[in-house]
Amino acid sequence: MKNKVGEAAGPSRLKITPELIAAFRRAVGAHEGPQDEAPPTLMTMLRSGEFELFRRFEIPLSALLHAEQSYTYAEAIRAGDELEFETRLAQAVSKRGARGEMHFLTLETSVEALRGAGKVPIGTCRSVIVVRQEAKGREGAR
């Protein structure tokens, strides 16, 4: 996997509507704060690039374990924003376990809002994913 570090999916775009913010607020139980401002974890919705990279790397979803999720924030997401985001494989570390090899993939999604004539940095989503590859000859190996 180390040879895949730096590969990216995107850029992709998502228009942030008041309805999208309201639906997300209801889903996560976020009733406080300005109603035209998205809860910070709305950036979780921007993980499509991760799944594009899994497809490109031919990693079956059944082999994945989501280990960690973190965010950095620079600016609030607001109704009317059009977000542009791109996901890249930032790091790949392999380790051998008792049941086979495991790859620890760090995926980073950079998010910007298209506002006026420019782009405003919004933040970064960081996911650590474990890809399990069971040793050949063991039950359940593919």
Foldseek 3Di string as FASTA:
>chain_A
DQVQAPDKDDFDKDAAALVNQVVVCVVVVPPDDDSQWHDPCVCVVVCVGVVVVCVVVVADPVQKDWDDKDKDFDDIDGHGWMKTKMKGFHDWDWDADPFGIKIWTKMKMWIWTCDDPRTHTTIMMITIMIGDAGDPPDPPHD
